[in-house]
Amino acid sequence: SIGYPVITKENIIKKYPETERTYIKMKEGVFCGGNIVFFKPDVFFQNKKLIKELFDNRKATWKYAKILGLKFILKFLFKALTLEEIEKRVTDILGYNSVS
């Protein structure tokens, strides 16, 4: 299993108004990641290369969309991407259940 906290822009600004964050506009609203990922050790060891690529590109949101595929690039560009779609695609890519 994989878990990644996703926080609304509104909540980040309320709690930490002076921090600079990378936000993503999605169908449900504007979000940022929570600076931590939870996963089982076997997920890490079976996906080290991809996890390193994601970590190295964590501020380049379009590169994340590229990893997810063309459909996700288009939905990302049109602000039509949903959290549920990302969770399902990450589950498909890694072969493990993922939640945000």
PDB file of N, CA and C in Angstrom:
ATOM      1  N   SER A   1       0.826  -1.198   0.000  1.00  0.00           N
ATOM      2  CA  SER A   1       0.000   0.000   0.000  1.00  0.00           C
ATOM      3  C   SER A   1       0.863   1.252   0.000  1.00  0.00           C
ATOM      4  N   ILE A   2       0.309   2.319  -0.563  1.00  0.00           N
ATOM      5  CA  ILE A   2       0.988   3.602  -0.652  1.00  0.00           C
ATOM      6  C   ILE A   2       0.004   4.672  -0.181  1.00  0.00           C
ATOM      7  N   GLY A   3       0.487   5.610   0.610  1.00  0.00           N
ATOM      8  CA  GLY A   3      -0.343   6.727   1.052  1.00  0.00           C
ATOM      9  C   GLY A   3       0.397   8.039   0.865  1.00  0.00           C
ATOM     10  N   TYR A   4      -0.306   9.039   0.365  1.00  0.00           N
ATOM     11  CA  TYR A   4       0.294  10.356   0.135  1.00  0.00           C
ATOM     12  C   TYR A   4      -0.704  11.424   0.570  1.00  0.00           C
ATOM     13  N   PRO A   5      -0.338  12.243   1.560  1.00  0.00           N
ATOM     14  CA  PRO A   5      -1.273  13.279   2.001  1.00  0.00           C
ATOM     15  C   PRO A   5      -1.439  14.381   0.959  1.00  0.00           C
ATOM     16  N   VAL A   6      -2.669  14.758   0.718  1.00  0.00           N
ATOM     17  CA  VAL A   6      -3.005  15.826  -0.221  1.00  0.00           C
ATOM     18  C   VAL A   6      -3.821  16.857   0.555  1.00  0.00           C
ATOM     19  N   ILE A   7      -3.364  18.118   0.516  1.00  0.00           N
ATOM     20  CA  ILE A   7      -3.969  19.168   1.323  1.00  0.00           C
ATOM     21  C   ILE A   7      -4.487  20.282   0.416  1.00  0.00           C
ATOM     22  N   THR A   8      -5.642  20.825   0.742  1.00  0.00           N
ATOM     23  CA  THR A   8      -6.177  21.929  -0.050  1.00  0.00           C
ATOM     24  C   THR A   8      -5.332  23.188   0.154  1.00  0.00           C
ATOM     25  N   LYS A   9      -5.282  24.000  -0.873  1.00  0.00           N
ATOM     26  CA  LYS A   9      -4.548  25.270  -0.792  1.00  0.00           C
ATOM     27  C   LYS A   9      -5.099  26.124   0.345  1.00  0.00           C
ATOM     28  N   GLU A  10      -6.408  26.131   0.474  1.00  0.00           N
ATOM     29  CA  GLU A  10      -7.059  26.911   1.527  1.00  0.00           C
ATOM     30  C   GLU A  10      -6.534  26.527   2.917  1.00  0.00           C
ATOM     31  N   ASN A  11      -6.423  25.230   3.189  1.00  0.00           N
ATOM     32  CA  ASN A  11      -5.936  24.786   4.497  1.00  0.00           C
ATOM     33  C   ASN A  11      -4.462  25.111   4.711  1.00  0.00           C
ATOM     34  N   ILE A  12      -3.655  25.000   3.663  1.00  0.00           N
ATOM     35  CA  ILE A  12      -2.233  25.349   3.779  1.00  0.00           C
ATOM     36  C   ILE A  12      -2.084  26.831   4.103  1.00  0.00           C
ATOM     37  N   ILE A  13      -2.807  27.674   3.393  1.00  0.00           N
ATOM     38  CA  ILE A  13      -2.696  29.122   3.609  1.00  0.00           C
ATOM     39  C   ILE A  13      -3.169  29.506   5.016  1.00  0.00           C
ATOM     40  N   LYS A  14      -4.215  28.844   5.506  1.00  0.00           N
ATOM     41  CA  LYS A  14      -4.689  29.119   6.872  1.00  0.00           C
ATOM     42  C   LYS A  14      -3.620  28.783   7.912  1.00  0.00           C
ATOM     43  N   LYS A  15      -3.007  27.620   7.750  1.00  0.00           N
ATOM     44  CA  LYS A  15      -2.068  27.125   8.762  1.00  0.00           C
ATOM     45  C   LYS A  15      -0.659  27.685   8.576  1.00  0.00           C
ATOM     46  N   TYR A  16      -0.201  27.797   7.336  1.00  0.00           N
ATOM     47  CA  TYR A  16       1.165  28.237   7.036  1.00  0.00           C
ATOM     48  C   TYR A  16       1.143  29.323   5.955  1.00  0.00           C
ATOM     49  N   PRO A  17       0.660  30.512   6.267  1.00  0.00           N
ATOM     50  CA  PRO A  17       0.452  31.539   5.238  1.00  0.00           C
ATOM     51  C   PRO A  17       1.728  32.029   4.550  1.00  0.00           C
ATOM     52  N   GLU A  18       2.870  31.876   5.173  1.00  0.00           N
ATOM     53  CA  GLU A  18       4.098  32.427   4.595  1.00  0.00           C
ATOM     54  C   GLU A  18       4.931  31.407   3.819  1.00  0.00           C
ATOM     55  N   THR A  19       4.505  30.154   3.783  1.00  0.00           N
ATOM     56  CA  THR A  19       5.293  29.156   3.061  1.00  0.00           C
ATOM     57  C   THR A  19       4.990  29.199   1.571  1.00  0.00           C
ATOM     58  N   GLU A  20       6.018  28.916   0.779  1.00  0.00           N
ATOM     59  CA  GLU A  20       5.829  28.800  -0.670  1.00  0.00           C
ATOM     60  C   GLU A  20       5.621  27.335  -0.991  1.00  0.00           C
ATOM     61  N   ARG A  21       4.580  27.040  -1.717  1.00  0.00           N
ATOM     62  CA  ARG A  21       4.215  25.670  -2.047  1.00  0.00           C
ATOM     63  C   ARG A  21       3.995  25.537  -3.546  1.00  0.00           C
ATOM     64  N   THR A  22       4.077  24.305  -4.015  1.00  0.00           N
ATOM     65  CA  THR A  22       3.718  23.986  -5.392  1.00  0.00           C
ATOM     66  C   THR A  22       2.295  23.441  -5.359  1.00  0.00           C
ATOM     67  N   TYR A  23       1.387  24.117  -6.034  1.00  0.00           N
ATOM     68  CA  TYR A  23      -0.022  23.714  -6.049  1.00  0.00           C
ATOM     69  C   TYR A  23      -0.404  23.169  -7.419  1.00  0.00           C
ATOM     70  N   ILE A  24      -1.391  22.282  -7.397  1.00  0.00           N
ATOM     71  CA  ILE A  24      -1.923  21.714  -8.631  1.00  0.00           C
ATOM     72  C   ILE A  24      -3.424  21.974  -8.665  1.00  0.00           C
ATOM     73  N   LYS A  25      -3.883  22.571  -9.764  1.00  0.00           N
ATOM     74  CA  LYS A  25      -5.320  22.798  -9.959  1.00  0.00           C
ATOM     75  C   LYS A  25      -5.902  21.535 -10.566  1.00  0.00           C
ATOM     76  N   MET A  26      -6.866  20.970  -9.859  1.00  0.00           N
ATOM     77  CA  MET A  26      -7.519  19.753 -10.311  1.00  0.00           C
ATOM     78  C   MET A  26      -9.022  19.987 -10.372  1.00  0.00           C
ATOM     79  N   LYS A  27      -9.732  18.987 -10.827  1.00  0.00           N
ATOM     80  CA  LYS A  27     -11.182  19.116 -10.969  1.00  0.00           C
ATOM     81  C   LYS A  27     -11.853  19.449  -9.632  1.00  0.00           C
ATOM     82  N   GLU A  28     -11.361  18.844  -8.535  1.00  0.00           N
ATOM     83  CA  GLU A  28     -11.977  19.030  -7.222  1.00  0.00           C
ATOM     84  C   GLU A  28     -11.526  20.288  -6.496  1.00  0.00           C
ATOM     85  N   GLY A  29     -10.464  20.942  -6.983  1.00  0.00           N
ATOM     86  CA  GLY A  29      -9.940  22.117  -6.294  1.00  0.00           C
ATOM     87  C   GLY A  29      -8.446  22.266  -6.517  1.00  0.00           C
ATOM     88  N   VAL A  30      -7.799  23.046  -5.652  1.00  0.00           N
ATOM     89  CA  VAL A  30      -6.360  23.300  -5.749  1.00  0.00           C
ATOM     90  C   VAL A  30      -5.691  22.632  -4.556  1.00  0.00           C
ATOM     91  N   PHE A  31      -4.638  21.827  -4.836  1.00  0.00           N
ATOM     92  CA  PHE A  31      -4.016  21.011  -3.803  1.00  0.00           C
ATOM     93  C   PHE A  31      -2.496  21.094  -3.844  1.00  0.00           C
ATOM     94  N   CYS A  32      -1.898  20.665  -2.731  1.00  0.00           N
ATOM     95  CA  CYS A  32      -0.453  20.429  -2.705  1.00  0.00           C
ATOM     96  C   CYS A  32      -0.213  19.146  -1.915  1.00  0.00           C
ATOM     97  N   GLY A  33       0.965  18.583  -2.116  1.00  0.00           N
ATOM     98  CA  GLY A  33       1.328  17.363  -1.413  1.00  0.00           C
ATOM     99  C   GLY A  33       1.793  17.658  -0.003  1.00  0.00           C
ATOM    100  N   GLY A  34       1.750  16.638   0.837  1.00  0.00           N
ATOM    101  CA  GLY A  34       2.042  16.802   2.252  1.00  0.00           C
ATOM    102  C   GLY A  34       3.449  16.456   2.696  1.00  0.00           C
ATOM    103  N   ASN A  35       4.409  16.439   1.766  1.00  0.00           N
ATOM    104  CA  ASN A  35       5.832  16.275   2.097  1.00  0.00           C
ATOM    105  C   ASN A  35       6.223  14.923   2.676  1.00  0.00           C
ATOM    106  N   ILE A  36       5.369  13.932   2.567  1.00  0.00           N
ATOM    107  CA  ILE A  36       5.722  12.604   3.065  1.00  0.00           C
ATOM    108  C   ILE A  36       4.940  11.566   2.255  1.00  0.00           C
ATOM    109  N   VAL A  37       5.540  10.413   2.084  1.00  0.00           N
ATOM    110  CA  VAL A  37       4.875   9.304   1.406  1.00  0.00           C
ATOM    111  C   VAL A  37       4.999   8.090   2.311  1.00  0.00           C
ATOM    112  N   PHE A  38       3.911   7.379   2.489  1.00  0.00           N
ATOM    113  CA  PHE A  38       3.915   6.158   3.281  1.00  0.00           C
ATOM    114  C   PHE A  38       3.792   4.977   2.328  1.00  0.00           C
ATOM    115  N   PHE A  39       4.679   3.992   2.469  1.00  0.00           N
ATOM    116  CA  PHE A  39       4.558   2.791   1.658  1.00  0.00           C
ATOM    117  C   PHE A  39       5.260   1.639   2.343  1.00  0.00           C
ATOM    118  N   LYS A  40       4.861   0.437   1.974  1.00  0.00           N
ATOM    119  CA  LYS A  40       5.486  -0.765   2.509  1.00  0.00           C
ATOM    120  C   LYS A  40       6.871  -0.912   1.895  1.00  0.00           C
ATOM    121  N   PRO A  41       7.817  -1.499   2.624  1.00  0.00           N
ATOM    122  CA  PRO A  41       9.181  -1.641   2.093  1.00  0.00           C
ATOM    123  C   PRO A  41       9.247  -2.349   0.745  1.00  0.00           C
ATOM    124  N   ASP A  42       8.421  -3.365   0.524  1.00  0.00           N
ATOM    125  CA  ASP A  42       8.482  -4.074  -0.753  1.00  0.00           C
ATOM    126  C   ASP A  42       8.084  -3.172  -1.917  1.00  0.00           C
ATOM    127  N   VAL A  43       7.201  -2.210  -1.679  1.00  0.00           N
ATOM    128  CA  VAL A  43       6.841  -1.243  -2.722  1.00  0.00           C
ATOM    129  C   VAL A  43       8.082  -0.446  -3.110  1.00  0.00           C
ATOM    130  N   PHE A  44       8.830   0.005  -2.110  1.00  0.00           N
ATOM    131  CA  PHE A  44      10.052   0.776  -2.369  1.00  0.00           C
ATOM    132  C   PHE A  44      11.068  -0.053  -3.147  1.00  0.00           C
ATOM    133  N   PHE A  45      11.370  -1.237  -2.677  1.00  0.00           N
ATOM    134  CA  PHE A  45      12.421  -2.038  -3.307  1.00  0.00           C
ATOM    135  C   PHE A  45      12.062  -2.477  -4.724  1.00  0.00           C
ATOM    136  N   GLN A  46      10.791  -2.660  -5.009  1.00  0.00           N
ATOM    137  CA  GLN A  46      10.378  -3.063  -6.352  1.00  0.00           C
ATOM    138  C   GLN A  46      10.238  -1.881  -7.312  1.00  0.00           C
ATOM    139  N   ASN A  47      10.270  -0.665  -6.775  1.00  0.00           N
ATOM    140  CA  ASN A  47      10.045   0.527  -7.606  1.00  0.00           C
ATOM    141  C   ASN A  47      11.049   1.639  -7.327  1.00  0.00           C
ATOM    142  N   LYS A  48      12.265   1.283  -6.915  1.00  0.00           N
ATOM    143  CA  LYS A  48      13.266   2.289  -6.526  1.00  0.00           C
ATOM    144  C   LYS A  48      13.526   3.322  -7.614  1.00  0.00           C
ATOM    145  N   LYS A  49      13.676   2.876  -8.847  1.00  0.00           N
ATOM    146  CA  LYS A  49      13.998   3.797  -9.941  1.00  0.00           C
ATOM    147  C   LYS A  49      12.881   4.829 -10.136  1.00  0.00           C
ATOM    148  N   LEU A  50      11.649   4.374 -10.185  1.00  0.00           N
ATOM    149  CA  LEU A  50      10.513   5.277 -10.363  1.00  0.00           C
ATOM    150  C   LEU A  50      10.362   6.212  -9.163  1.00  0.00           C
ATOM    151  N   ILE A  51      10.509   5.693  -7.967  1.00  0.00           N
ATOM    152  CA  ILE A  51      10.392   6.520  -6.763  1.00  0.00           C
ATOM    153  C   ILE A  51      11.456   7.607  -6.755  1.00  0.00           C
ATOM    154  N   LYS A  52      12.679   7.273  -7.167  1.00  0.00           N
ATOM    155  CA  LYS A  52      13.746   8.279  -7.247  1.00  0.00           C
ATOM    156  C   LYS A  52      13.396   9.345  -8.284  1.00  0.00           C
ATOM    157  N   GLU A  53      12.884   8.919  -9.437  1.00  0.00           N
ATOM    158  CA  GLU A  53      12.492   9.870 -10.483  1.00  0.00           C
ATOM    159  C   GLU A  53      11.396  10.816  -9.976  1.00  0.00           C
ATOM    160  N   LEU A  54      10.415  10.275  -9.275  1.00  0.00           N
ATOM    161  CA  LEU A  54       9.345  11.106  -8.724  1.00  0.00           C
ATOM    162  C   LEU A  54       9.891  12.089  -7.695  1.00  0.00           C
ATOM    163  N   PHE A  55      10.769  11.610  -6.827  1.00  0.00           N
ATOM    164  CA  PHE A  55      11.362  12.489  -5.814  1.00  0.00           C
ATOM    165  C   PHE A  55      12.183  13.599  -6.464  1.00  0.00           C
ATOM    166  N   ASP A  56      13.005  13.236  -7.436  1.00  0.00           N
ATOM    167  CA  ASP A  56      13.859  14.224  -8.105  1.00  0.00           C
ATOM    168  C   ASP A  56      13.050  15.291  -8.844  1.00  0.00           C
ATOM    169  N   ASN A  57      11.852  14.945  -9.281  1.00  0.00           N
ATOM    170  CA  ASN A  57      11.016  15.872 -10.059  1.00  0.00           C
ATOM    171  C   ASN A  57       9.808  16.383  -9.278  1.00  0.00           C
ATOM    172  N   ARG A  58       9.883  16.361  -7.965  1.00  0.00           N
ATOM    173  CA  ARG A  58       8.719  16.682  -7.140  1.00  0.00           C
ATOM    174  C   ARG A  58       8.182  18.098  -7.328  1.00  0.00           C
ATOM    175  N   LYS A  59       8.969  19.011  -7.847  1.00  0.00           N
ATOM    176  CA  LYS A  59       8.491  20.380  -8.076  1.00  0.00           C
ATOM    177  C   LYS A  59       8.059  20.608  -9.527  1.00  0.00           C
ATOM    178  N   ALA A  60       8.202  19.602 -10.369  1.00  0.00           N
ATOM    179  CA  ALA A  60       7.832  19.709 -11.790  1.00  0.00           C
ATOM    180  C   ALA A  60       6.565  18.889 -12.023  1.00  0.00           C
ATOM    181  N   THR A  61       5.424  19.496 -11.745  1.00  0.00           N
ATOM    182  CA  THR A  61       4.165  18.755 -11.801  1.00  0.00           C
ATOM    183  C   THR A  61       3.873  18.170 -13.175  1.00  0.00           C
ATOM    184  N   TRP A  62       4.299  18.832 -14.243  1.00  0.00           N
ATOM    185  CA  TRP A  62       4.042  18.303 -15.587  1.00  0.00           C
ATOM    186  C   TRP A  62       4.810  17.008 -15.818  1.00  0.00           C
ATOM    187  N   LYS A  63       5.981  16.833 -15.148  1.00  0.00           N
ATOM    188  CA  LYS A  63       6.727  15.576 -15.286  1.00  0.00           C
ATOM    189  C   LYS A  63       5.984  14.433 -14.606  1.00  0.00           C
ATOM    190  N   TYR A  64       5.289  14.726 -13.523  1.00  0.00           N
ATOM    191  CA  TYR A  64       4.457  13.708 -12.888  1.00  0.00           C
ATOM    192  C   TYR A  64       3.356  13.270 -13.850  1.00  0.00           C
ATOM    193  N   ALA A  65       2.722  14.238 -14.495  1.00  0.00           N
ATOM    194  CA  ALA A  65       1.669  13.914 -15.465  1.00  0.00           C
ATOM    195  C   ALA A  65       2.240  13.082 -16.607  1.00  0.00           C
ATOM    196  N   LYS A  66       3.461  13.407 -17.040  1.00  0.00           N
ATOM    197  CA  LYS A  66       4.117  12.656 -18.121  1.00  0.00           C
ATOM    198  C   LYS A  66       4.320  11.195 -17.721  1.00  0.00           C
ATOM    199  N   ILE A  67       4.718  10.955 -16.488  1.00  0.00           N
ATOM    200  CA  ILE A  67       4.913   9.587 -15.994  1.00  0.00           C
ATOM    201  C   ILE A  67       3.584   8.832 -16.009  1.00  0.00           C
ATOM    202  N   LEU A  68       2.499   9.531 -15.715  1.00  0.00           N
ATOM    203  CA  LEU A  68       1.185   8.892 -15.678  1.00  0.00           C
ATOM    204  C   LEU A  68       0.632   8.588 -17.063  1.00  0.00           C
ATOM    205  N   GLY A  69       1.080   9.314 -18.098  1.00  0.00           N
ATOM    206  CA  GLY A  69       0.667   9.026 -19.464  1.00  0.00           C
ATOM    207  C   GLY A  69      -0.032  10.189 -20.151  1.00  0.00           C
ATOM    208  N   LEU A  70      -0.219  10.060 -21.470  1.00  0.00           N
ATOM    209  CA  LEU A  70      -0.781  11.117 -22.309  1.00  0.00           C
ATOM    210  C   LEU A  70      -2.159  11.583 -21.831  1.00  0.00           C
ATOM    211  N   LYS A  71      -3.023  10.652 -21.504  1.00  0.00           N
ATOM    212  CA  LYS A  71      -4.362  11.006 -21.021  1.00  0.00           C
ATOM    213  C   LYS A  71      -4.261  11.954 -19.821  1.00  0.00           C
ATOM    214  N   PHE A  72      -3.296  11.696 -18.947  1.00  0.00           N
ATOM    215  CA  PHE A  72      -3.140  12.510 -17.748  1.00  0.00           C
ATOM    216  C   PHE A  72      -2.529  13.872 -18.058  1.00  0.00           C
ATOM    217  N   ILE A  73      -1.673  13.930 -19.060  1.00  0.00           N
ATOM    218  CA  ILE A  73      -1.121  15.223 -19.481  1.00  0.00           C
ATOM    219  C   ILE A  73      -2.257  16.116 -19.963  1.00  0.00           C
ATOM    220  N   LEU A  74      -3.125  15.575 -20.813  1.00  0.00           N
ATOM    221  CA  LEU A  74      -4.247  16.359 -21.343  1.00  0.00           C
ATOM    222  C   LEU A  74      -5.201  16.799 -20.237  1.00  0.00           C
ATOM    223  N   LYS A  75      -5.548  15.879 -19.362  1.00  0.00           N
ATOM    224  CA  LYS A  75      -6.447  16.231 -18.261  1.00  0.00           C
ATOM    225  C   LYS A  75      -5.796  17.245 -17.329  1.00  0.00           C
ATOM    226  N   PHE A  76      -4.484  17.111 -17.103  1.00  0.00           N
ATOM    227  CA  PHE A  76      -3.744  18.066 -16.275  1.00  0.00           C
ATOM    228  C   PHE A  76      -3.799  19.458 -16.903  1.00  0.00           C
ATOM    229  N   LEU A  77      -3.560  19.537 -18.208  1.00  0.00           N
ATOM    230  CA  LEU A  77      -3.571  20.823 -18.906  1.00  0.00           C
ATOM    231  C   LEU A  77      -4.936  21.506 -18.854  1.00  0.00           C
ATOM    232  N   PHE A  78      -6.004  20.710 -18.897  1.00  0.00           N
ATOM    233  CA  PHE A  78      -7.355  21.265 -18.886  1.00  0.00           C
ATOM    234  C   PHE A  78      -7.977  21.300 -17.486  1.00  0.00           C
ATOM    235  N   LYS A  79      -7.149  21.047 -16.470  1.00  0.00           N
ATOM    236  CA  LYS A  79      -7.604  21.098 -15.064  1.00  0.00           C
ATOM    237  C   LYS A  79      -8.791  20.165 -14.823  1.00  0.00           C
ATOM    238  N   ALA A  80      -8.777  19.019 -15.494  1.00  0.00           N
ATOM    239  CA  ALA A  80      -9.881  18.064 -15.396  1.00  0.00           C
ATOM    240  C   ALA A  80      -9.478  16.774 -14.691  1.00  0.00           C
ATOM    241  N   LEU A  81      -8.272  16.716 -14.175  1.00  0.00           N
ATOM    242  CA  LEU A  81      -7.754  15.520 -13.514  1.00  0.00           C
ATOM    243  C   LEU A  81      -8.338  15.407 -12.107  1.00  0.00           C
ATOM    244  N   THR A  82      -8.676  14.179 -11.688  1.00  0.00           N
ATOM    245  CA  THR A  82      -9.220  13.973 -10.344  1.00  0.00           C
ATOM    246  C   THR A  82      -8.245  13.171  -9.490  1.00  0.00           C
ATOM    247  N   LEU A  83      -8.376  13.317  -8.179  1.00  0.00           N
ATOM    248  CA  LEU A  83      -7.549  12.544  -7.252  1.00  0.00           C
ATOM    249  C   LEU A  83      -7.784  11.048  -7.445  1.00  0.00           C
ATOM    250  N   GLU A  84      -9.024  10.661  -7.638  1.00  0.00           N
ATOM    251  CA  GLU A  84      -9.356   9.246  -7.824  1.00  0.00           C
ATOM    252  C   GLU A  84      -8.656   8.665  -9.057  1.00  0.00           C
ATOM    253  N   GLU A  85      -8.597   9.432 -10.150  1.00  0.00           N
ATOM    254  CA  GLU A  85      -7.915   8.958 -11.360  1.00  0.00           C
ATOM    255  C   GLU A  85      -6.419   8.756 -11.106  1.00  0.00           C
ATOM    256  N   ILE A  86      -5.819   9.678 -10.368  1.00  0.00           N
ATOM    257  CA  ILE A  86      -4.396   9.546 -10.056  1.00  0.00           C
ATOM    258  C   ILE A  86      -4.164   8.326  -9.177  1.00  0.00           C
ATOM    259  N   GLU A  87      -4.990   8.148  -8.153  1.00  0.00           N
ATOM    260  CA  GLU A  87      -4.853   6.980  -7.273  1.00  0.00           C
ATOM    261  C   GLU A  87      -4.928   5.684  -8.074  1.00  0.00           C
ATOM    262  N   LYS A  88      -5.907   5.585  -8.970  1.00  0.00           N
ATOM    263  CA  LYS A  88      -6.071   4.365  -9.770  1.00  0.00           C
ATOM    264  C   LYS A  88      -4.866   4.138 -10.677  1.00  0.00           C
ATOM    265  N   ARG A  89      -4.374   5.194 -11.312  1.00  0.00           N
ATOM    266  CA  ARG A  89      -3.237   5.055 -12.229  1.00  0.00           C
ATOM    267  C   ARG A  89      -1.970   4.665 -11.475  1.00  0.00           C
ATOM    268  N   VAL A  90      -1.730   5.268 -10.317  1.00  0.00           N
ATOM    269  CA  VAL A  90      -0.558   4.903  -9.511  1.00  0.00           C
ATOM    270  C   VAL A  90      -0.667   3.447  -9.068  1.00  0.00           C
ATOM    271  N   THR A  91      -1.861   3.022  -8.698  1.00  0.00           N
ATOM    272  CA  THR A  91      -2.080   1.619  -8.344  1.00  0.00           C
ATOM    273  C   THR A  91      -1.748   0.715  -9.529  1.00  0.00           C
ATOM    274  N   ASP A  92      -2.177   1.090 -10.728  1.00  0.00           N
ATOM    275  CA  ASP A  92      -1.889   0.298 -11.932  1.00  0.00           C
ATOM    276  C   ASP A  92      -0.390   0.243 -12.227  1.00  0.00           C
ATOM    277  N   ILE A  93       0.296   1.382 -12.107  1.00  0.00           N
ATOM    278  CA  ILE A  93       1.727   1.443 -12.420  1.00  0.00           C
ATOM    279  C   ILE A  93       2.550   0.632 -11.426  1.00  0.00           C
ATOM    280  N   LEU A  94       2.276   0.812 -10.134  1.00  0.00           N
ATOM    281  CA  LEU A  94       3.096   0.169  -9.107  1.00  0.00           C
ATOM    282  C   LEU A  94       2.613  -1.227  -8.731  1.00  0.00           C
ATOM    283  N   GLY A  95       1.366  -1.521  -9.029  1.00  0.00           N
ATOM    284  CA  GLY A  95       0.831  -2.824  -8.664  1.00  0.00           C
ATOM    285  C   GLY A  95       0.459  -2.917  -7.195  1.00  0.00           C
ATOM    286  N   TYR A  96       0.309  -1.775  -6.549  1.00  0.00           N
ATOM    287  CA  TYR A  96      -0.068  -1.715  -5.138  1.00  0.00           C
ATOM    288  C   TYR A  96      -1.173  -0.694  -4.971  1.00  0.00           C
ATOM    289  N   ASN A  97      -2.044  -0.922  -3.992  1.00  0.00           N
ATOM    290  CA  ASN A  97      -3.122   0.016  -3.711  1.00  0.00           C
ATOM    291  C   ASN A  97      -2.550   1.349  -3.247  1.00  0.00           C
ATOM    292  N   SER A  98      -3.076   2.440  -3.785  1.00  0.00           N
ATOM    293  CA  SER A  98      -2.616   3.770  -3.373  1.00  0.00           C
ATOM    294  C   SER A  98      -3.803   4.629  -2.985  1.00  0.00           C
ATOM    295  N   VAL A  99      -3.601   5.483  -1.980  1.00  0.00           N
ATOM    296  CA  VAL A  99      -4.631   6.408  -1.519  1.00  0.00           C
ATOM    297  C   VAL A  99      -4.009   7.766  -1.251  1.00  0.00           C
ATOM    298  N   SER A 100      -4.824   8.801  -1.413  1.00  0.00           N
ATOM    299  CA  SER A 100      -4.350  10.151  -1.097  1.00  0.00           C
ATOM    300  C   SER A 100      -5.204  10.729   0.002  1.00  0.00           C
TER     301      SER A 100
END
